[in-house]
């Protein structure tokens, strides 16, 4: 998963370690100094 594009995770489900569905990835925040994803928003 580390090699995928950040835009590829939008719409994917977020599942907690205990198996519960938290929600779906709505948006991301990119830190431009190192081009890393710093936040994932799940409504």
PDB file of N, CA and C in Angstrom:
ATOM      1  N   UNK A   1       0.820  -1.193   0.000  1.00  0.00           N
ATOM      2  CA  UNK A   1       0.000   0.000   0.000  1.00  0.00           C
ATOM      3  C   UNK A   1       0.864   1.256   0.000  1.00  0.00           C
ATOM      4  N   UNK A   2       2.098   1.179   0.449  1.00  0.00           N
ATOM      5  CA  UNK A   2       2.952   2.366   0.545  1.00  0.00           C
ATOM      6  C   UNK A   2       3.277   2.954  -0.822  1.00  0.00           C
ATOM      7  N   UNK A   3       3.206   2.167  -1.869  1.00  0.00           N
ATOM      8  CA  UNK A   3       3.555   2.648  -3.196  1.00  0.00           C
ATOM      9  C   UNK A   3       2.369   3.186  -3.984  1.00  0.00           C
ATOM     10  N   UNK A   4       1.170   3.173  -3.429  1.00  0.00           N
ATOM     11  CA  UNK A   4       0.006   3.652  -4.165  1.00  0.00           C
ATOM     12  C   UNK A   4      -0.072   5.175  -4.116  1.00  0.00           C
ATOM     13  N   UNK A   5      -0.845   5.746  -5.001  1.00  0.00           N
ATOM     14  CA  UNK A   5      -1.079   7.182  -5.009  1.00  0.00           C
ATOM     15  C   UNK A   5      -2.065   7.532  -3.902  1.00  0.00           C
ATOM     16  N   UNK A   6      -1.860   8.682  -3.264  1.00  0.00           N
ATOM     17  CA  UNK A   6      -2.758   9.090  -2.182  1.00  0.00           C
ATOM     18  C   UNK A   6      -4.183   9.228  -2.695  1.00  0.00           C
ATOM     19  N   UNK A   7      -4.344   9.675  -3.932  1.00  0.00           N
ATOM     20  CA  UNK A   7      -5.689   9.831  -4.488  1.00  0.00           C
ATOM     21  C   UNK A   7      -6.395   8.486  -4.643  1.00  0.00           C
ATOM     22  N   UNK A   8      -5.634   7.391  -4.653  1.00  0.00           N
ATOM     23  CA  UNK A   8      -6.232   6.061  -4.795  1.00  0.00           C
ATOM     24  C   UNK A   8      -6.978   5.605  -3.545  1.00  0.00           C
ATOM     25  N   UNK A   9      -6.721   6.230  -2.386  1.00  0.00           N
ATOM     26  CA  UNK A   9      -7.385   5.766  -1.163  1.00  0.00           C
ATOM     27  C   UNK A   9      -8.739   6.418  -0.939  1.00  0.00           C
ATOM     28  N   UNK A  10      -9.049   7.479  -1.684  1.00  0.00           N
ATOM     29  CA  UNK A  10     -10.365   8.122  -1.544  1.00  0.00           C
ATOM     30  C   UNK A  10     -11.450   7.115  -1.914  1.00  0.00           C
ATOM     31  N   UNK A  11     -12.434   6.985  -1.045  1.00  0.00           N
ATOM     32  CA  UNK A  11     -13.535   6.057  -1.283  1.00  0.00           C
ATOM     33  C   UNK A  11     -13.324   4.671  -0.702  1.00  0.00           C
ATOM     34  N   UNK A  12     -12.129   4.390  -0.167  1.00  0.00           N
ATOM     35  CA  UNK A  12     -11.876   3.080   0.424  1.00  0.00           C
ATOM     36  C   UNK A  12     -12.432   3.021   1.847  1.00  0.00           C
ATOM     37  N   UNK A  13     -12.842   1.838   2.295  1.00  0.00           N
ATOM     38  CA  UNK A  13     -13.346   1.710   3.661  1.00  0.00           C
ATOM     39  C   UNK A  13     -12.201   1.780   4.672  1.00  0.00           C
ATOM     40  N   UNK A  14     -12.499   2.317   5.854  1.00  0.00           N
ATOM     41  CA  UNK A  14     -11.551   2.333   6.970  1.00  0.00           C
ATOM     42  C   UNK A  14     -12.099   1.377   8.014  1.00  0.00           C
ATOM     43  N   UNK A  15     -11.346   0.312   8.277  1.00  0.00           N
ATOM     44  CA  UNK A  15     -11.790  -0.740   9.186  1.00  0.00           C
ATOM     45  C   UNK A  15     -10.877  -0.747  10.407  1.00  0.00           C
ATOM     46  N   UNK A  16     -11.482  -0.689  11.587  1.00  0.00           N
ATOM     47  CA  UNK A  16     -10.728  -0.701  12.838  1.00  0.00           C
ATOM     48  C   UNK A  16     -10.142  -2.088  13.086  1.00  0.00           C
ATOM     49  N   UNK A  17      -9.093  -2.182  13.910  1.00  0.00           N
ATOM     50  CA  UNK A  17      -8.476  -3.489  14.183  1.00  0.00           C
ATOM     51  C   UNK A  17      -9.443  -4.539  14.719  1.00  0.00           C
ATOM     52  N   UNK A  18     -10.520  -4.109  15.381  1.00  0.00           N
ATOM     53  CA  UNK A  18     -11.484  -5.090  15.897  1.00  0.00           C
ATOM     54  C   UNK A  18     -12.527  -5.493  14.856  1.00  0.00           C
ATOM     55  N   UNK A  19     -12.368  -5.007  13.619  1.00  0.00           N
ATOM     56  CA  UNK A  19     -13.240  -5.411  12.530  1.00  0.00           C
ATOM     57  C   UNK A  19     -14.407  -4.480  12.244  1.00  0.00           C
ATOM     58  N   UNK A  20     -14.616  -3.463  13.082  1.00  0.00           N
ATOM     59  CA  UNK A  20     -15.725  -2.529  12.854  1.00  0.00           C
ATOM     60  C   UNK A  20     -15.383  -1.552  11.736  1.00  0.00           C
ATOM     61  N   UNK A  21     -16.385  -1.228  10.933  1.00  0.00           N
ATOM     62  CA  UNK A  21     -16.223  -0.256   9.858  1.00  0.00           C
ATOM     63  C   UNK A  21     -16.337   1.144  10.440  1.00  0.00           C
ATOM     64  N   UNK A  22     -15.289   1.951  10.282  1.00  0.00           N
ATOM     65  CA  UNK A  22     -15.307   3.319  10.781  1.00  0.00           C
ATOM     66  C   UNK A  22     -15.995   4.240   9.789  1.00  0.00           C
ATOM     67  N   UNK A  23     -15.764   4.026   8.507  1.00  0.00           N
ATOM     68  CA  UNK A  23     -16.348   4.866   7.468  1.00  0.00           C
ATOM     69  C   UNK A  23     -15.556   4.733   6.183  1.00  0.00           C
ATOM     70  N   UNK A  24     -15.683   5.733   5.332  1.00  0.00           N
ATOM     71  CA  UNK A  24     -15.015   5.743   4.036  1.00  0.00           C
ATOM     72  C   UNK A  24     -14.117   6.965   3.949  1.00  0.00           C
ATOM     73  N   UNK A  25     -12.937   6.799   3.361  1.00  0.00           N
ATOM     74  CA  UNK A  25     -12.008   7.920   3.210  1.00  0.00           C
ATOM     75  C   UNK A  25     -12.661   8.973   2.333  1.00  0.00           C
ATOM     76  N   UNK A  26     -12.770  10.187   2.863  1.00  0.00           N
ATOM     77  CA  UNK A  26     -13.398  11.295   2.155  1.00  0.00           C
ATOM     78  C   UNK A  26     -12.357  12.216   1.530  1.00  0.00           C
ATOM     79  N   UNK A  27     -11.286  12.505   2.261  1.00  0.00           N
ATOM     80  CA  UNK A  27     -10.278  13.444   1.774  1.00  0.00           C
ATOM     81  C   UNK A  27      -8.967  13.193   2.502  1.00  0.00           C
ATOM     82  N   UNK A  28      -7.883  13.767   1.985  1.00  0.00           N
ATOM     83  CA  UNK A  28      -6.568  13.629   2.595  1.00  0.00           C
ATOM     84  C   UNK A  28      -5.890  14.992   2.657  1.00  0.00           C
ATOM     85  N   UNK A  29      -4.916  15.113   3.542  1.00  0.00           N
ATOM     86  CA  UNK A  29      -4.088  16.321   3.625  1.00  0.00           C
ATOM     87  C   UNK A  29      -2.665  15.906   3.288  1.00  0.00           C
ATOM     88  N   UNK A  30      -2.062  16.630   2.359  1.00  0.00           N
ATOM     89  CA  UNK A  30      -0.708  16.320   1.915  1.00  0.00           C
ATOM     90  C   UNK A  30       0.251  17.368   2.454  1.00  0.00           C
ATOM     91  N   UNK A  31       1.322  16.919   3.083  1.00  0.00           N
ATOM     92  CA  UNK A  31       2.376  17.801   3.562  1.00  0.00           C
ATOM     93  C   UNK A  31       3.356  17.951   2.403  1.00  0.00           C
ATOM     94  N   UNK A  32       3.477  19.166   1.860  1.00  0.00           N
ATOM     95  CA  UNK A  32       4.215  19.365   0.611  1.00  0.00           C
ATOM     96  C   UNK A  32       5.726  19.372   0.776  1.00  0.00           C
ATOM     97  N   UNK A  33       6.231  19.508   1.991  1.00  0.00           N
ATOM     98  CA  UNK A  33       7.680  19.502   2.181  1.00  0.00           C
ATOM     99  C   UNK A  33       8.265  18.136   1.843  1.00  0.00           C
ATOM    100  N   UNK A  34       7.604  17.080   2.266  1.00  0.00           N
ATOM    101  CA  UNK A  34       8.070  15.730   1.972  1.00  0.00           C
ATOM    102  C   UNK A  34       7.103  14.945   1.113  1.00  0.00           C
ATOM    103  N   UNK A  35       6.008  15.590   0.685  1.00  0.00           N
ATOM    104  CA  UNK A  35       4.950  14.968  -0.122  1.00  0.00           C
ATOM    105  C   UNK A  35       4.445  13.684   0.524  1.00  0.00           C
ATOM    106  N   UNK A  36       4.063  13.824   1.811  1.00  0.00           N
ATOM    107  CA  UNK A  36       3.496  12.705   2.566  1.00  0.00           C
ATOM    108  C   UNK A  36       2.062  13.023   2.952  1.00  0.00           C
ATOM    109  N   UNK A  37       1.277  11.993   3.056  1.00  0.00           N
ATOM    110  CA  UNK A  37      -0.095  12.148   3.542  1.00  0.00           C
ATOM    111  C   UNK A  37      -0.036  12.269   5.058  1.00  0.00           C
ATOM    112  N   UNK A  38      -0.543  13.389   5.596  1.00  0.00           N
ATOM    113  CA  UNK A  38      -0.474  13.610   7.036  1.00  0.00           C
ATOM    114  C   UNK A  38      -1.807  13.365   7.738  1.00  0.00           C
ATOM    115  N   UNK A  39      -2.922  13.486   7.030  1.00  0.00           N
ATOM    116  CA  UNK A  39      -4.240  13.304   7.631  1.00  0.00           C
ATOM    117  C   UNK A  39      -5.170  12.623   6.631  1.00  0.00           C
ATOM    118  N   UNK A  40      -6.048  11.790   7.140  1.00  0.00           N
ATOM    119  CA  UNK A  40      -7.088  11.153   6.335  1.00  0.00           C
ATOM    120  C   UNK A  40      -8.417  11.476   7.013  1.00  0.00           C
ATOM    121  N   UNK A  41      -9.349  12.052   6.268  1.00  0.00           N
ATOM    122  CA  UNK A  41     -10.653  12.427   6.817  1.00  0.00           C
ATOM    123  C   UNK A  41     -11.690  11.360   6.493  1.00  0.00           C
ATOM    124  N   UNK A  42     -12.348  10.876   7.540  1.00  0.00           N
ATOM    125  CA  UNK A  42     -13.384   9.853   7.412  1.00  0.00           C
ATOM    126  C   UNK A  42     -14.646  10.396   8.073  1.00  0.00           C
ATOM    127  N   UNK A  43     -15.665  10.781   7.260  1.00  0.00           N
ATOM    128  CA  UNK A  43     -16.887  11.325   7.867  1.00  0.00           C
ATOM    129  C   UNK A  43     -17.735  10.238   8.512  1.00  0.00           C
TER     130      UNK A  43
END
